[in-house]
Structures are given as structure tokens and as C-alpha cells.
Amino acid sequence: MKGLLFLSLLLFLEGQRSLACPRLCACHGSQVNCSSRSLTPSLLPPTFPAGTTTLLLHNNMLTTLPRGKTLKCLYSLLLFSGSQCL
């Protein structure tokens, strides 16, 4: 199941590229930090900078991810503790 979630995220991110840092995130070079922002799937930023190599999405409320495509430069993705297990 985690593999499917990861694959869905990679697919989501491909078509979702821009030059600007997403409003709810902080960008430092090629790292985009959207961690601990109480993001839900509907609040996940629709675009990420094209050169993003590290994407931090941990400590949010992500239970599913929208479909899309991979970011070509993405090297590292952190998606732990994305939701509470009931």
C-alpha cells in the first residue's frame, strides 16, 4: 500500500511544476519544505518548482494523493507520519 501511495505521489508531481515556491511551503535552493503544514490532499500545493530535488511532506494529514506525474529532478521525498492511524 505504501508503494502505491509513493507511486501515486510521483505520478502526481510530474505535471505539477513551476518556478515559484508554493504558498504553503518554504523553498531553499532545490529543497521544497511543505512539512508540518496540516496539509490534506485537497490542500497539497498544485505546483512545485521544476528543479525540486528534495520534497518534504512529512507530518501532514495526507491519506491519499492526487494523480499526476513525477518531477524529473526529484531525488528525495519525505512522507512519514502523514496521518494518524486509527
N, C-alpha and C. Protein backbone atom coordinates (compact mmCIF):
# COMPACT_ATOMS: atom_id res chain seq x y z
N MET A 1 0.82 -1.19 0.00
CA MET A 1 0.00 0.00 0.00
C MET A 1 0.87 1.26 0.00
N LYS A 2 1.95 1.26 0.81
CA LYS A 2 2.84 2.42 0.84
C LYS A 2 3.49 2.64 -0.52
N GLY A 3 3.82 1.53 -1.21
CA GLY A 3 4.41 1.63 -2.54
C GLY A 3 3.45 2.28 -3.52
N LEU A 4 2.17 1.95 -3.41
CA LEU A 4 1.16 2.54 -4.28
C LEU A 4 1.00 4.02 -3.99
N LEU A 5 1.03 4.40 -2.71
CA LEU A 5 0.95 5.80 -2.33
C LEU A 5 2.14 6.58 -2.88
N PHE A 6 3.34 6.00 -2.75
CA PHE A 6 4.55 6.65 -3.26
C PHE A 6 4.47 6.81 -4.78
N LEU A 7 4.06 5.75 -5.48
CA LEU A 7 3.93 5.82 -6.93
C LEU A 7 2.91 6.87 -7.34
N SER A 8 1.80 6.95 -6.61
CA SER A 8 0.79 7.96 -6.91
C SER A 8 1.36 9.36 -6.74
N LEU A 9 2.17 9.57 -5.71
CA LEU A 9 2.78 10.87 -5.49
C LEU A 9 3.73 11.21 -6.64
N LEU A 10 4.55 10.26 -7.04
CA LEU A 10 5.47 10.51 -8.14
C LEU A 10 4.71 10.85 -9.41
N LEU A 11 3.64 10.15 -9.67
CA LEU A 11 2.84 10.43 -10.85
C LEU A 11 2.18 11.80 -10.75
N PHE A 12 1.74 12.18 -9.56
CA PHE A 12 1.12 13.47 -9.34
C PHE A 12 2.08 14.63 -9.63
N LEU A 13 3.31 14.47 -9.23
CA LEU A 13 4.25 15.58 -9.26
C LEU A 13 4.78 15.92 -10.65
N GLU A 14 4.76 15.03 -11.61
CA GLU A 14 5.36 15.28 -12.92
C GLU A 14 4.78 16.52 -13.59
N GLY A 15 3.49 16.58 -13.69
CA GLY A 15 2.88 17.70 -14.39
C GLY A 15 2.72 18.92 -13.52
N GLN A 16 3.17 18.85 -12.32
CA GLN A 16 2.94 19.91 -11.36
C GLN A 16 4.23 20.69 -11.10
N ARG A 17 4.71 21.40 -12.10
CA ARG A 17 5.97 22.11 -11.95
C ARG A 17 5.79 23.59 -12.26
N SER A 18 6.52 24.43 -11.58
CA SER A 18 6.53 25.86 -11.85
C SER A 18 7.86 26.41 -11.35
N LEU A 19 8.03 27.69 -11.44
CA LEU A 19 9.26 28.32 -10.94
C LEU A 19 9.08 28.85 -9.52
N ALA A 20 7.86 29.16 -9.13
CA ALA A 20 7.60 29.77 -7.83
C ALA A 20 7.48 28.72 -6.73
N CYS A 21 7.86 29.12 -5.53
CA CYS A 21 7.69 28.27 -4.36
C CYS A 21 6.21 28.25 -3.99
N PRO A 22 5.66 27.08 -3.68
CA PRO A 22 4.25 27.01 -3.28
C PRO A 22 3.99 27.88 -2.05
N ARG A 23 2.83 28.48 -2.00
CA ARG A 23 2.46 29.42 -0.94
C ARG A 23 2.57 28.83 0.46
N LEU A 24 2.21 27.58 0.66
CA LEU A 24 2.23 26.96 1.98
C LEU A 24 3.56 26.30 2.33
N CYS A 25 4.56 26.47 1.50
CA CYS A 25 5.85 25.79 1.69
C CYS A 25 6.98 26.81 1.81
N ALA A 26 8.14 26.32 2.17
CA ALA A 26 9.36 27.13 2.20
C ALA A 26 10.36 26.48 1.25
N CYS A 27 11.00 27.28 0.42
CA CYS A 27 11.96 26.74 -0.54
C CYS A 27 13.36 27.27 -0.23
N HIS A 28 14.32 26.35 -0.28
CA HIS A 28 15.73 26.69 -0.06
C HIS A 28 16.51 25.98 -1.15
N GLY A 29 16.91 26.71 -2.18
CA GLY A 29 17.58 26.08 -3.31
C GLY A 29 16.61 25.14 -3.99
N SER A 30 16.99 23.88 -4.12
CA SER A 30 16.13 22.90 -4.78
C SER A 30 15.30 22.08 -3.79
N GLN A 31 15.31 22.48 -2.51
CA GLN A 31 14.53 21.78 -1.49
C GLN A 31 13.21 22.53 -1.25
N VAL A 32 12.11 21.79 -1.30
CA VAL A 32 10.79 22.36 -1.01
C VAL A 32 10.28 21.71 0.27
N ASN A 33 10.07 22.53 1.29
CA ASN A 33 9.65 22.04 2.60
C ASN A 33 8.19 22.39 2.83
N CYS A 34 7.33 21.38 2.72
CA CYS A 34 5.89 21.53 2.99
C CYS A 34 5.51 20.71 4.21
N SER A 35 6.46 20.42 5.07
CA SER A 35 6.21 19.58 6.24
C SER A 35 5.49 20.35 7.34
N SER A 36 4.73 19.63 8.14
CA SER A 36 4.05 20.17 9.32
C SER A 36 3.20 21.39 8.99
N ARG A 37 2.44 21.31 7.90
CA ARG A 37 1.58 22.42 7.47
C ARG A 37 0.10 22.05 7.56
N SER A 38 -0.21 20.90 8.18
CA SER A 38 -1.59 20.40 8.28
C SER A 38 -2.22 20.24 6.90
N LEU A 39 -1.41 19.85 5.93
CA LEU A 39 -1.91 19.68 4.57
C LEU A 39 -2.76 18.42 4.46
N THR A 40 -3.87 18.55 3.78
CA THR A 40 -4.72 17.42 3.40
C THR A 40 -4.54 17.26 1.89
N PRO A 41 -5.04 16.18 1.30
CA PRO A 41 -4.89 16.03 -0.15
C PRO A 41 -5.42 17.23 -0.94
N SER A 42 -6.51 17.83 -0.47
CA SER A 42 -7.07 18.98 -1.21
C SER A 42 -6.25 20.26 -1.00
N LEU A 43 -5.42 20.31 0.04
CA LEU A 43 -4.58 21.49 0.28
C LEU A 43 -3.16 21.34 -0.24
N LEU A 44 -2.83 20.17 -0.78
CA LEU A 44 -1.49 19.95 -1.31
C LEU A 44 -1.25 20.94 -2.45
N PRO A 45 -0.12 21.64 -2.44
CA PRO A 45 0.13 22.62 -3.49
C PRO A 45 -0.01 22.00 -4.88
N PRO A 46 -0.62 22.73 -5.82
CA PRO A 46 -0.82 22.20 -7.16
C PRO A 46 0.45 22.22 -8.02
N THR A 47 1.44 23.01 -7.64
CA THR A 47 2.68 23.09 -8.42
C THR A 47 3.89 23.10 -7.51
N PHE A 48 5.01 22.64 -8.05
CA PHE A 48 6.30 22.67 -7.37
C PHE A 48 7.33 23.17 -8.36
N PRO A 49 8.41 23.82 -7.89
CA PRO A 49 9.44 24.29 -8.81
C PRO A 49 10.02 23.15 -9.64
N ALA A 50 10.30 23.41 -10.91
CA ALA A 50 10.79 22.37 -11.83
C ALA A 50 12.08 21.71 -11.35
N GLY A 51 12.96 22.42 -10.67
CA GLY A 51 14.25 21.87 -10.24
C GLY A 51 14.23 21.23 -8.86
N THR A 52 13.05 20.95 -8.31
CA THR A 52 12.95 20.36 -6.97
C THR A 52 13.67 19.02 -6.91
N THR A 53 14.64 18.92 -5.99
CA THR A 53 15.34 17.64 -5.80
C THR A 53 14.92 16.98 -4.49
N THR A 54 14.50 17.77 -3.51
CA THR A 54 14.06 17.24 -2.22
C THR A 54 12.70 17.83 -1.90
N LEU A 55 11.74 16.96 -1.61
CA LEU A 55 10.38 17.39 -1.27
C LEU A 55 10.02 16.82 0.10
N LEU A 56 9.77 17.71 1.04
CA LEU A 56 9.44 17.32 2.42
C LEU A 56 7.94 17.49 2.64
N LEU A 57 7.24 16.38 2.82
CA LEU A 57 5.79 16.40 3.03
C LEU A 57 5.40 15.73 4.34
N HIS A 58 6.36 15.45 5.21
CA HIS A 58 6.07 14.73 6.43
C HIS A 58 5.27 15.57 7.43
N ASN A 59 4.64 14.85 8.38
CA ASN A 59 3.85 15.46 9.45
C ASN A 59 2.70 16.33 8.91
N ASN A 60 1.99 15.79 7.95
CA ASN A 60 0.78 16.41 7.43
C ASN A 60 -0.37 15.43 7.61
N MET A 61 -1.50 15.70 7.01
CA MET A 61 -2.67 14.83 7.11
C MET A 61 -2.99 14.24 5.74
N LEU A 62 -1.97 13.74 5.07
CA LEU A 62 -2.14 13.18 3.73
C LEU A 62 -2.49 11.70 3.83
N THR A 63 -3.70 11.37 3.42
CA THR A 63 -4.13 9.97 3.41
C THR A 63 -4.19 9.42 2.00
N THR A 64 -4.34 10.30 1.03
CA THR A 64 -4.31 9.95 -0.40
C THR A 64 -3.61 11.08 -1.12
N LEU A 65 -3.21 10.81 -2.34
CA LEU A 65 -2.55 11.82 -3.16
C LEU A 65 -3.21 11.87 -4.53
N PRO A 66 -3.36 13.06 -5.10
CA PRO A 66 -3.93 13.16 -6.44
C PRO A 66 -3.01 12.52 -7.48
N ARG A 67 -3.55 12.14 -8.61
CA ARG A 67 -2.75 11.57 -9.69
C ARG A 67 -2.00 12.68 -10.41
N GLY A 68 -0.88 12.33 -11.00
CA GLY A 68 -0.06 13.28 -11.74
C GLY A 68 1.15 12.56 -12.28
N LYS A 69 2.24 13.29 -12.45
CA LYS A 69 3.47 12.72 -12.99
C LYS A 69 4.65 13.09 -12.11
N THR A 70 5.82 12.48 -12.35
CA THR A 70 6.99 12.70 -11.50
C THR A 70 7.73 13.99 -11.82
N LEU A 71 8.37 14.55 -10.80
CA LEU A 71 9.31 15.65 -11.00
C LEU A 71 10.61 15.01 -11.48
N LYS A 72 11.15 15.44 -12.57
CA LYS A 72 12.32 14.79 -13.17
C LYS A 72 13.58 14.88 -12.32
N CYS A 73 13.72 15.91 -11.51
CA CYS A 73 14.93 16.09 -10.70
C CYS A 73 14.77 15.58 -9.27
N LEU A 74 13.59 15.06 -8.92
CA LEU A 74 13.34 14.64 -7.55
C LEU A 74 14.27 13.50 -7.15
N TYR A 75 14.99 13.70 -6.06
CA TYR A 75 15.95 12.73 -5.55
C TYR A 75 15.50 12.16 -4.21
N SER A 76 14.86 13.00 -3.39
CA SER A 76 14.50 12.60 -2.04
C SER A 76 13.09 13.09 -1.71
N LEU A 77 12.29 12.19 -1.13
CA LEU A 77 10.92 12.50 -0.74
C LEU A 77 10.72 12.02 0.68
N LEU A 78 10.28 12.89 1.58
CA LEU A 78 9.98 12.50 2.95
C LEU A 78 8.48 12.60 3.14
N LEU A 79 7.87 11.47 3.51
CA LEU A 79 6.42 11.39 3.63
C LEU A 79 6.03 10.56 4.84
N PHE A 80 6.81 10.63 5.93
CA PHE A 80 6.49 9.84 7.12
C PHE A 80 5.51 10.59 8.02
N SER A 81 4.80 9.84 8.86
CA SER A 81 3.82 10.40 9.80
C SER A 81 2.83 11.31 9.09
N GLY A 82 2.40 10.88 7.92
CA GLY A 82 1.49 11.71 7.13
C GLY A 82 0.07 11.77 7.67
N SER A 83 -0.32 10.83 8.50
CA SER A 83 -1.65 10.86 9.08
C SER A 83 -1.66 9.98 10.32
N GLN A 84 -2.70 10.14 11.12
CA GLN A 84 -2.84 9.30 12.30
C GLN A 84 -3.49 7.99 11.90
N CYS A 85 -3.01 6.92 12.43
CA CYS A 85 -3.61 5.61 12.19
C CYS A 85 -4.71 5.41 13.23
N LEU A 86 -5.85 4.98 12.77
CA LEU A 86 -6.99 4.76 13.68
C LEU A 86 -7.19 3.31 13.91
